[in-house]
Amino acid sequence: MISMGPLTEHYVANELKIKGYELYYWTSNGKAELDFMIQKNTDIVPIEVKTSTHTKSRSLDLYIKNYNPKYAIRISEKNFGFENNIKSVPLYAAFCI
């Protein structure tokens, strides 16, 4: 069985590159990691990619707690939404970022 995680992250990376973003990632001493970090104007925006509707992310929570970004983005199978300064973007709409 093929793991959808890397394939999904590759799709999102391509969509972000098409939009002209430089792609970075974040790790916390190897214990937490975020898939992408992009810069929008003067803001650094963390992006977490999930392959299902289960979107709980300790890494994203840790980053938000430590760095207090203006907002974060979570890409998953869930619909558009905004809660706790996290913008939810459906996977099919990654090009909207």
PDB file of N, CA and C in Angstrom:
ATOM      1  N   MET A   1       0.827  -1.175   0.000  1.00  0.00           N
ATOM      2  CA  MET A   1       0.000   0.000   0.000  1.00  0.00           C
ATOM      3  C   MET A   1       0.877   1.247   0.000  1.00  0.00           C
ATOM      4  N   ILE A   2       0.516   2.236  -0.796  1.00  0.00           N
ATOM      5  CA  ILE A   2       1.278   3.467  -0.921  1.00  0.00           C
ATOM      6  C   ILE A   2       0.865   4.439   0.179  1.00  0.00           C
ATOM      7  N   SER A   3       1.861   5.037   0.825  1.00  0.00           N
ATOM      8  CA  SER A   3       1.586   6.063   1.831  1.00  0.00           C
ATOM      9  C   SER A   3       1.216   7.357   1.118  1.00  0.00           C
ATOM     10  N   MET A   4       0.080   7.931   1.473  1.00  0.00           N
ATOM     11  CA  MET A   4      -0.394   9.128   0.795  1.00  0.00           C
ATOM     12  C   MET A   4       0.274  10.404   1.328  1.00  0.00           C
ATOM     13  N   GLY A   5       0.900  10.344   2.494  1.00  0.00           N
ATOM     14  CA  GLY A   5       1.523  11.528   3.081  1.00  0.00           C
ATOM     15  C   GLY A   5       2.530  12.204   2.168  1.00  0.00           C
ATOM     16  N   PRO A   6       3.574  11.494   1.743  1.00  0.00           N
ATOM     17  CA  PRO A   6       4.572  12.122   0.879  1.00  0.00           C
ATOM     18  C   PRO A   6       3.993  12.600  -0.459  1.00  0.00           C
ATOM     19  N   LEU A   7       3.076  11.840  -1.024  1.00  0.00           N
ATOM     20  CA  LEU A   7       2.457  12.238  -2.282  1.00  0.00           C
ATOM     21  C   LEU A   7       1.653  13.526  -2.113  1.00  0.00           C
ATOM     22  N   THR A   8       0.912  13.608  -1.025  1.00  0.00           N
ATOM     23  CA  THR A   8       0.115  14.804  -0.736  1.00  0.00           C
ATOM     24  C   THR A   8       1.016  16.009  -0.502  1.00  0.00           C
ATOM     25  N   GLU A   9       2.078  15.836   0.260  1.00  0.00           N
ATOM     26  CA  GLU A   9       3.012  16.930   0.509  1.00  0.00           C
ATOM     27  C   GLU A   9       3.679  17.388  -0.785  1.00  0.00           C
ATOM     28  N   HIS A  10       3.994  16.459  -1.659  1.00  0.00           N
ATOM     29  CA  HIS A  10       4.599  16.806  -2.951  1.00  0.00           C
ATOM     30  C   HIS A  10       3.619  17.644  -3.792  1.00  0.00           C
ATOM     31  N   TYR A  11       2.360  17.254  -3.810  1.00  0.00           N
ATOM     32  CA  TYR A  11       1.332  18.012  -4.536  1.00  0.00           C
ATOM     33  C   TYR A  11       1.253  19.445  -3.993  1.00  0.00           C
ATOM     34  N   VAL A  12       1.212  19.601  -2.676  1.00  0.00           N
ATOM     35  CA  VAL A  12       1.120  20.932  -2.067  1.00  0.00           C
ATOM     36  C   VAL A  12       2.388  21.738  -2.370  1.00  0.00           C
ATOM     37  N   ALA A  13       3.545  21.102  -2.285  1.00  0.00           N
ATOM     38  CA  ALA A  13       4.801  21.789  -2.610  1.00  0.00           C
ATOM     39  C   ALA A  13       4.769  22.328  -4.035  1.00  0.00           C
ATOM     40  N   ASN A  14       4.283  21.519  -4.973  1.00  0.00           N
ATOM     41  CA  ASN A  14       4.192  21.971  -6.362  1.00  0.00           C
ATOM     42  C   ASN A  14       3.268  23.170  -6.493  1.00  0.00           C
ATOM     43  N   GLU A  15       2.121  23.123  -5.829  1.00  0.00           N
ATOM     44  CA  GLU A  15       1.164  24.234  -5.906  1.00  0.00           C
ATOM     45  C   GLU A  15       1.767  25.514  -5.318  1.00  0.00           C
ATOM     46  N   LEU A  16       2.490  25.395  -4.217  1.00  0.00           N
ATOM     47  CA  LEU A  16       3.112  26.562  -3.607  1.00  0.00           C
ATOM     48  C   LEU A  16       4.226  27.127  -4.487  1.00  0.00           C
ATOM     49  N   LYS A  17       5.021  26.247  -5.087  1.00  0.00           N
ATOM     50  CA  LYS A  17       6.095  26.696  -5.984  1.00  0.00           C
ATOM     51  C   LYS A  17       5.519  27.406  -7.208  1.00  0.00           C
ATOM     52  N   ILE A  18       4.425  26.891  -7.751  1.00  0.00           N
ATOM     53  CA  ILE A  18       3.775  27.527  -8.902  1.00  0.00           C
ATOM     54  C   ILE A  18       3.366  28.954  -8.549  1.00  0.00           C
ATOM     55  N   LYS A  19       2.939  29.159  -7.291  1.00  0.00           N
ATOM     56  CA  LYS A  19       2.527  30.485  -6.836  1.00  0.00           C
ATOM     57  C   LYS A  19       3.736  31.384  -6.537  1.00  0.00           C
ATOM     58  N   GLY A  20       4.938  30.840  -6.643  1.00  0.00           N
ATOM     59  CA  GLY A  20       6.149  31.640  -6.470  1.00  0.00           C
ATOM     60  C   GLY A  20       6.741  31.665  -5.071  1.00  0.00           C
ATOM     61  N   TYR A  21       6.247  30.810  -4.178  1.00  0.00           N
ATOM     62  CA  TYR A  21       6.774  30.786  -2.818  1.00  0.00           C
ATOM     63  C   TYR A  21       8.083  30.014  -2.743  1.00  0.00           C
ATOM     64  N   GLU A  22       9.014  30.526  -1.943  1.00  0.00           N
ATOM     65  CA  GLU A  22      10.180  29.756  -1.549  1.00  0.00           C
ATOM     66  C   GLU A  22       9.711  28.845  -0.425  1.00  0.00           C
ATOM     67  N   LEU A  23      10.107  27.601  -0.456  1.00  0.00           N
ATOM     68  CA  LEU A  23       9.624  26.642   0.537  1.00  0.00           C
ATOM     69  C   LEU A  23      10.684  26.352   1.595  1.00  0.00           C
ATOM     70  N   TYR A  24      10.247  26.417   2.840  1.00  0.00           N
ATOM     71  CA  TYR A  24      11.081  26.084   3.980  1.00  0.00           C
ATOM     72  C   TYR A  24      10.289  25.140   4.869  1.00  0.00           C
ATOM     73  N   TYR A  25      10.953  24.541   5.831  1.00  0.00           N
ATOM     74  CA  TYR A  25      10.260  23.714   6.809  1.00  0.00           C
ATOM     75  C   TYR A  25      10.811  24.063   8.180  1.00  0.00           C
ATOM     76  N   TRP A  26      10.150  23.581   9.214  1.00  0.00           N
ATOM     77  CA  TRP A  26      10.561  23.886  10.579  1.00  0.00           C
ATOM     78  C   TRP A  26      10.633  22.605  11.384  1.00  0.00           C
ATOM     79  N   THR A  27      11.684  22.500  12.203  1.00  0.00           N
ATOM     80  CA  THR A  27      11.787  21.389  13.154  1.00  0.00           C
ATOM     81  C   THR A  27      12.170  21.949  14.523  1.00  0.00           C
ATOM     82  N   SER A  28      11.805  21.214  15.542  1.00  0.00           N
ATOM     83  CA  SER A  28      12.121  21.591  16.912  1.00  0.00           C
ATOM     84  C   SER A  28      12.960  20.483  17.523  1.00  0.00           C
ATOM     85  N   ASN A  29      14.262  20.595  17.394  1.00  0.00           N
ATOM     86  CA  ASN A  29      15.178  19.581  17.944  1.00  0.00           C
ATOM     87  C   ASN A  29      14.780  18.164  17.556  1.00  0.00           C
ATOM     88  N   GLY A  30      14.236  18.001  16.366  1.00  0.00           N
ATOM     89  CA  GLY A  30      13.873  16.683  15.880  1.00  0.00           C
ATOM     90  C   GLY A  30      12.614  16.097  16.472  1.00  0.00           C
ATOM     91  N   LYS A  31      11.922  16.828  17.336  1.00  0.00           N
ATOM     92  CA  LYS A  31      10.738  16.288  17.996  1.00  0.00           C
ATOM     93  C   LYS A  31       9.440  16.736  17.330  1.00  0.00           C
ATOM     94  N   ALA A  32       9.472  17.871  16.683  1.00  0.00           N
ATOM     95  CA  ALA A  32       8.286  18.387  16.004  1.00  0.00           C
ATOM     96  C   ALA A  32       8.732  18.935  14.658  1.00  0.00           C
ATOM     97  N   GLU A  33       7.839  18.871  13.684  1.00  0.00           N
ATOM     98  CA  GLU A  33       8.172  19.413  12.370  1.00  0.00           C
ATOM     99  C   GLU A  33       6.914  19.920  11.668  1.00  0.00           C
ATOM    100  N   LEU A  34       7.108  20.963  10.882  1.00  0.00           N
ATOM    101  CA  LEU A  34       6.035  21.476  10.047  1.00  0.00           C
ATOM    102  C   LEU A  34       6.444  21.278   8.603  1.00  0.00           C
ATOM    103  N   ASP A  35       5.450  20.946   7.783  1.00  0.00           N
ATOM    104  CA  ASP A  35       5.735  20.600   6.395  1.00  0.00           C
ATOM    105  C   ASP A  35       6.301  21.768   5.601  1.00  0.00           C
ATOM    106  N   PHE A  36       5.712  22.952   5.773  1.00  0.00           N
ATOM    107  CA  PHE A  36       6.152  24.104   5.003  1.00  0.00           C
ATOM    108  C   PHE A  36       6.083  25.371   5.829  1.00  0.00           C
ATOM    109  N   MET A  37       6.973  26.283   5.498  1.00  0.00           N
ATOM    110  CA  MET A  37       6.946  27.648   6.018  1.00  0.00           C
ATOM    111  C   MET A  37       7.078  28.534   4.780  1.00  0.00           C
ATOM    112  N   ILE A  38       6.176  29.498   4.655  1.00  0.00           N
ATOM    113  CA  ILE A  38       6.264  30.422   3.527  1.00  0.00           C
ATOM    114  C   ILE A  38       6.233  31.846   4.074  1.00  0.00           C
ATOM    115  N   GLN A  39       6.655  32.771   3.235  1.00  0.00           N
ATOM    116  CA  GLN A  39       6.567  34.179   3.604  1.00  0.00           C
ATOM    117  C   GLN A  39       5.540  34.845   2.707  1.00  0.00           C
ATOM    118  N   LYS A  40       4.539  35.461   3.332  1.00  0.00           N
ATOM    119  CA  LYS A  40       3.524  36.239   2.633  1.00  0.00           C
ATOM    120  C   LYS A  40       3.675  37.667   3.114  1.00  0.00           C
ATOM    121  N   ASN A  41       4.129  38.549   2.226  1.00  0.00           N
ATOM    122  CA  ASN A  41       4.478  39.916   2.591  1.00  0.00           C
ATOM    123  C   ASN A  41       5.515  39.858   3.704  1.00  0.00           C
ATOM    124  N   THR A  42       5.211  40.370   4.882  1.00  0.00           N
ATOM    125  CA  THR A  42       6.191  40.331   5.977  1.00  0.00           C
ATOM    126  C   THR A  42       5.903  39.226   6.987  1.00  0.00           C
ATOM    127  N   ASP A  43       4.864  38.430   6.737  1.00  0.00           N
ATOM    128  CA  ASP A  43       4.476  37.378   7.676  1.00  0.00           C
ATOM    129  C   ASP A  43       5.089  36.028   7.307  1.00  0.00           C
ATOM    130  N   ILE A  44       5.553  35.313   8.322  1.00  0.00           N
ATOM    131  CA  ILE A  44       5.977  33.929   8.148  1.00  0.00           C
ATOM    132  C   ILE A  44       4.756  33.074   8.481  1.00  0.00           C
ATOM    133  N   VAL A  45       4.363  32.205   7.550  1.00  0.00           N
ATOM    134  CA  VAL A  45       3.140  31.416   7.699  1.00  0.00           C
ATOM    135  C   VAL A  45       3.490  29.935   7.754  1.00  0.00           C
ATOM    136  N   PRO A  46       3.208  29.288   8.884  1.00  0.00           N
ATOM    137  CA  PRO A  46       3.424  27.836   8.960  1.00  0.00           C
ATOM    138  C   PRO A  46       2.276  27.099   8.266  1.00  0.00           C
ATOM    139  N   ILE A  47       2.631  26.016   7.568  1.00  0.00           N
ATOM    140  CA  ILE A  47       1.628  25.215   6.852  1.00  0.00           C
ATOM    141  C   ILE A  47       1.799  23.759   7.233  1.00  0.00           C
ATOM    142  N   GLU A  48       0.706  23.144   7.660  1.00  0.00           N
ATOM    143  CA  GLU A  48       0.674  21.719   7.989  1.00  0.00           C
ATOM    144  C   GLU A  48      -0.224  21.024   6.978  1.00  0.00           C
ATOM    145  N   VAL A  49       0.237  19.910   6.439  1.00  0.00           N
ATOM    146  CA  VAL A  49      -0.529  19.138   5.453  1.00  0.00           C
ATOM    147  C   VAL A  49      -0.962  17.827   6.098  1.00  0.00           C
ATOM    148  N   LYS A  50      -2.251  17.544   6.017  1.00  0.00           N
ATOM    149  CA  LYS A  50      -2.809  16.294   6.536  1.00  0.00           C
ATOM    150  C   LYS A  50      -3.525  15.574   5.395  1.00  0.00           C
ATOM    151  N   THR A  51      -3.488  14.253   5.423  1.00  0.00           N
ATOM    152  CA  THR A  51      -4.075  13.482   4.327  1.00  0.00           C
ATOM    153  C   THR A  51      -5.495  13.013   4.607  1.00  0.00           C
ATOM    154  N   SER A  52      -6.058  13.439   5.722  1.00  0.00           N
ATOM    155  CA  SER A  52      -7.409  12.996   6.053  1.00  0.00           C
ATOM    156  C   SER A  52      -8.160  14.122   6.751  1.00  0.00           C
ATOM    157  N   THR A  53      -9.287  13.785   7.348  1.00  0.00           N
ATOM    158  CA  THR A  53     -10.041  14.777   8.108  1.00  0.00           C
ATOM    159  C   THR A  53      -9.558  14.852   9.549  1.00  0.00           C
ATOM    160  N   HIS A  54      -8.708  13.918   9.960  1.00  0.00           N
ATOM    161  CA  HIS A  54      -8.097  13.982  11.294  1.00  0.00           C
ATOM    162  C   HIS A  54      -6.974  15.014  11.220  1.00  0.00           C
ATOM    163  N   THR A  55      -7.168  16.172  11.845  1.00  0.00           N
ATOM    164  CA  THR A  55      -6.230  17.273  11.640  1.00  0.00           C
ATOM    165  C   THR A  55      -5.487  17.718  12.897  1.00  0.00           C
ATOM    166  N   LYS A  56      -5.587  16.985  13.966  1.00  0.00           N
ATOM    167  CA  LYS A  56      -4.858  17.349  15.178  1.00  0.00           C
ATOM    168  C   LYS A  56      -3.362  17.294  14.892  1.00  0.00           C
ATOM    169  N   SER A  57      -2.665  18.359  15.268  1.00  0.00           N
ATOM    170  CA  SER A  57      -1.234  18.426  14.986  1.00  0.00           C
ATOM    171  C   SER A  57      -0.489  19.027  16.168  1.00  0.00           C
ATOM    172  N   ARG A  58       0.233  18.210  16.893  1.00  0.00           N
ATOM    173  CA  ARG A  58       1.024  18.706  18.021  1.00  0.00           C
ATOM    174  C   ARG A  58       2.118  19.654  17.544  1.00  0.00           C
ATOM    175  N   SER A  59       2.684  19.378  16.361  1.00  0.00           N
ATOM    176  CA  SER A  59       3.749  20.234  15.841  1.00  0.00           C
ATOM    177  C   SER A  59       3.242  21.642  15.555  1.00  0.00           C
ATOM    178  N   LEU A  60       2.089  21.742  14.908  1.00  0.00           N
ATOM    179  CA  LEU A  60       1.525  23.054  14.607  1.00  0.00           C
ATOM    180  C   LEU A  60       1.146  23.772  15.901  1.00  0.00           C
ATOM    181  N   ASP A  61       0.559  23.051  16.847  1.00  0.00           N
ATOM    182  CA  ASP A  61       0.216  23.648  18.138  1.00  0.00           C
ATOM    183  C   ASP A  61       1.459  24.187  18.849  1.00  0.00           C
ATOM    184  N   LEU A  62       2.536  23.426  18.817  1.00  0.00           N
ATOM    185  CA  LEU A  62       3.788  23.845  19.453  1.00  0.00           C
ATOM    186  C   LEU A  62       4.349  25.093  18.789  1.00  0.00           C
ATOM    187  N   TYR A  63       4.348  25.111  17.466  1.00  0.00           N
ATOM    188  CA  TYR A  63       4.869  26.273  16.747  1.00  0.00           C
ATOM    189  C   TYR A  63       4.058  27.526  17.089  1.00  0.00           C
ATOM    190  N   ILE A  64       2.746  27.404  17.085  1.00  0.00           N
ATOM    191  CA  ILE A  64       1.878  28.542  17.389  1.00  0.00           C
ATOM    192  C   ILE A  64       2.126  29.030  18.815  1.00  0.00           C
ATOM    193  N   LYS A  65       2.257  28.108  19.740  1.00  0.00           N
ATOM    194  CA  LYS A  65       2.499  28.473  21.140  1.00  0.00           C
ATOM    195  C   LYS A  65       3.826  29.210  21.298  1.00  0.00           C
ATOM    196  N   ASN A  66       4.862  28.738  20.615  1.00  0.00           N
ATOM    197  CA  ASN A  66       6.200  29.309  20.770  1.00  0.00           C
ATOM    198  C   ASN A  66       6.424  30.597  19.985  1.00  0.00           C
ATOM    199  N   TYR A  67       5.804  30.719  18.801  1.00  0.00           N
ATOM    200  CA  TYR A  67       6.124  31.842  17.913  1.00  0.00           C
ATOM    201  C   TYR A  67       4.959  32.788  17.635  1.00  0.00           C
ATOM    202  N   ASN A  68       3.755  32.410  18.022  1.00  0.00           N
ATOM    203  CA  ASN A  68       2.588  33.267  17.890  1.00  0.00           C
ATOM    204  C   ASN A  68       2.462  33.931  16.505  1.00  0.00           C
ATOM    205  N   PRO A  69       2.376  33.138  15.436  1.00  0.00           N
ATOM    206  CA  PRO A  69       2.230  33.743  14.116  1.00  0.00           C
ATOM    207  C   PRO A  69       0.872  34.425  13.982  1.00  0.00           C
ATOM    208  N   LYS A  70       0.779  35.350  13.039  1.00  0.00           N
ATOM    209  CA  LYS A  70      -0.492  36.042  12.795  1.00  0.00           C
ATOM    210  C   LYS A  70      -1.587  35.019  12.491  1.00  0.00           C
ATOM    211  N   TYR A  71      -1.250  33.993  11.720  1.00  0.00           N
ATOM    212  CA  TYR A  71      -2.144  32.876  11.436  1.00  0.00           C
ATOM    213  C   TYR A  71      -1.327  31.717  10.898  1.00  0.00           C
ATOM    214  N   ALA A  72      -1.927  30.550  10.854  1.00  0.00           N
ATOM    215  CA  ALA A  72      -1.313  29.347  10.297  1.00  0.00           C
ATOM    216  C   ALA A  72      -2.294  28.755   9.292  1.00  0.00           C
ATOM    217  N   ILE A  73      -1.807  27.834   8.461  1.00  0.00           N
ATOM    218  CA  ILE A  73      -2.653  27.175   7.468  1.00  0.00           C
ATOM    219  C   ILE A  73      -2.556  25.672   7.659  1.00  0.00           C
ATOM    220  N   ARG A  74      -3.723  25.020   7.639  1.00  0.00           N
ATOM    221  CA  ARG A  74      -3.777  23.564   7.673  1.00  0.00           C
ATOM    222  C   ARG A  74      -4.482  23.110   6.406  1.00  0.00           C
ATOM    223  N   ILE A  75      -3.810  22.298   5.617  1.00  0.00           N
ATOM    224  CA  ILE A  75      -4.385  21.756   4.382  1.00  0.00           C
ATOM    225  C   ILE A  75      -4.765  20.311   4.654  1.00  0.00           C
ATOM    226  N   SER A  76      -6.032  19.967   4.379  1.00  0.00           N
ATOM    227  CA  SER A  76      -6.521  18.615   4.663  1.00  0.00           C
ATOM    228  C   SER A  76      -7.762  18.332   3.831  1.00  0.00           C
ATOM    229  N   GLU A  77      -8.446  17.256   4.166  1.00  0.00           N
ATOM    230  CA  GLU A  77      -9.693  16.914   3.486  1.00  0.00           C
ATOM    231  C   GLU A  77     -10.877  17.708   4.023  1.00  0.00           C
ATOM    232  N   LYS A  78     -10.655  18.482   5.094  1.00  0.00           N
ATOM    233  CA  LYS A  78     -11.732  19.300   5.648  1.00  0.00           C
ATOM    234  C   LYS A  78     -12.036  20.482   4.735  1.00  0.00           C
ATOM    235  N   ASN A  79     -13.208  21.086   4.924  1.00  0.00           N
ATOM    236  CA  ASN A  79     -13.624  22.228   4.133  1.00  0.00           C
ATOM    237  C   ASN A  79     -12.948  23.501   4.648  1.00  0.00           C
ATOM    238  N   PHE A  80     -13.152  24.605   3.936  1.00  0.00           N
ATOM    239  CA  PHE A  80     -12.625  25.898   4.357  1.00  0.00           C
ATOM    240  C   PHE A  80     -13.140  26.246   5.742  1.00  0.00           C
ATOM    241  N   GLY A  81     -12.308  26.890   6.529  1.00  0.00           N
ATOM    242  CA  GLY A  81     -12.711  27.333   7.852  1.00  0.00           C
ATOM    243  C   GLY A  81     -11.619  28.164   8.488  1.00  0.00           C
ATOM    244  N   PHE A  82     -11.935  28.749   9.623  1.00  0.00           N
ATOM    245  CA  PHE A  82     -10.949  29.529  10.367  1.00  0.00           C
ATOM    246  C   PHE A  82     -11.287  29.411  11.847  1.00  0.00           C
ATOM    247  N   GLU A  83     -10.365  28.827  12.602  1.00  0.00           N
ATOM    248  CA  GLU A  83     -10.579  28.629  14.028  1.00  0.00           C
ATOM    249  C   GLU A  83      -9.228  28.658  14.732  1.00  0.00           C
ATOM    250  N   ASN A  84      -9.147  29.385  15.846  1.00  0.00           N
ATOM    251  CA  ASN A  84      -7.917  29.485  16.636  1.00  0.00           C
ATOM    252  C   ASN A  84      -6.730  29.972  15.801  1.00  0.00           C
ATOM    253  N   ASN A  85      -6.988  30.934  14.922  1.00  0.00           N
ATOM    254  CA  ASN A  85      -5.971  31.501  14.026  1.00  0.00           C
ATOM    255  C   ASN A  85      -5.379  30.486  13.048  1.00  0.00           C
ATOM    256  N   ILE A  86      -6.125  29.421  12.774  1.00  0.00           N
ATOM    257  CA  ILE A  86      -5.700  28.433  11.780  1.00  0.00           C
ATOM    258  C   ILE A  86      -6.703  28.449  10.639  1.00  0.00           C
ATOM    259  N   LYS A  87      -6.197  28.751   9.440  1.00  0.00           N
ATOM    260  CA  LYS A  87      -7.039  28.714   8.258  1.00  0.00           C
ATOM    261  C   LYS A  87      -7.051  27.289   7.736  1.00  0.00           C
ATOM    262  N   SER A  88      -8.232  26.714   7.609  1.00  0.00           N
ATOM    263  CA  SER A  88      -8.369  25.376   7.025  1.00  0.00           C
ATOM    264  C   SER A  88      -8.601  25.532   5.538  1.00  0.00           C
ATOM    265  N   VAL A  89      -7.806  24.828   4.758  1.00  0.00           N
ATOM    266  CA  VAL A  89      -7.907  24.866   3.306  1.00  0.00           C
ATOM    267  C   VAL A  89      -8.016  23.427   2.815  1.00  0.00           C
ATOM    268  N   PRO A  90      -9.054  23.127   2.015  1.00  0.00           N
ATOM    269  CA  PRO A  90      -9.168  21.768   1.478  1.00  0.00           C
ATOM    270  C   PRO A  90      -7.997  21.459   0.533  1.00  0.00           C
ATOM    271  N   LEU A  91      -7.603  20.229   0.494  1.00  0.00           N
ATOM    272  CA  LEU A  91      -6.474  19.816  -0.348  1.00  0.00           C
ATOM    273  C   LEU A  91      -6.655  20.260  -1.798  1.00  0.00           C
ATOM    274  N   TYR A  92      -7.872  20.123  -2.331  1.00  0.00           N
ATOM    275  CA  TYR A  92      -8.100  20.481  -3.724  1.00  0.00           C
ATOM    276  C   TYR A  92      -7.903  21.973  -3.989  1.00  0.00           C
ATOM    277  N   ALA A  93      -7.873  22.797  -2.927  1.00  0.00           N
ATOM    278  CA  ALA A  93      -7.770  24.239  -3.089  1.00  0.00           C
ATOM    279  C   ALA A  93      -6.393  24.765  -2.670  1.00  0.00           C
ATOM    280  N   ALA A  94      -5.394  23.921  -2.633  1.00  0.00           N
ATOM    281  CA  ALA A  94      -4.053  24.370  -2.241  1.00  0.00           C
ATOM    282  C   ALA A  94      -3.564  25.503  -3.141  1.00  0.00           C
ATOM    283  N   PHE A  95      -4.030  25.541  -4.354  1.00  0.00           N
ATOM    284  CA  PHE A  95      -3.631  26.597  -5.293  1.00  0.00           C
ATOM    285  C   PHE A  95      -4.125  27.968  -4.854  1.00  0.00           C
ATOM    286  N   CYS A  96      -5.079  28.029  -3.935  1.00  0.00           N
ATOM    287  CA  CYS A  96      -5.625  29.310  -3.464  1.00  0.00           C
ATOM    288  C   CYS A  96      -4.690  30.038  -2.506  1.00  0.00           C
ATOM    289  N   ILE A  97      -3.726  29.355  -1.983  1.00  0.00           N
ATOM    290  CA  ILE A  97      -2.819  29.972  -1.004  1.00  0.00           C
ATOM    291  C   ILE A  97      -1.913  30.929  -1.733  1.00  0.00           C
TER     292      ILE A  97
END
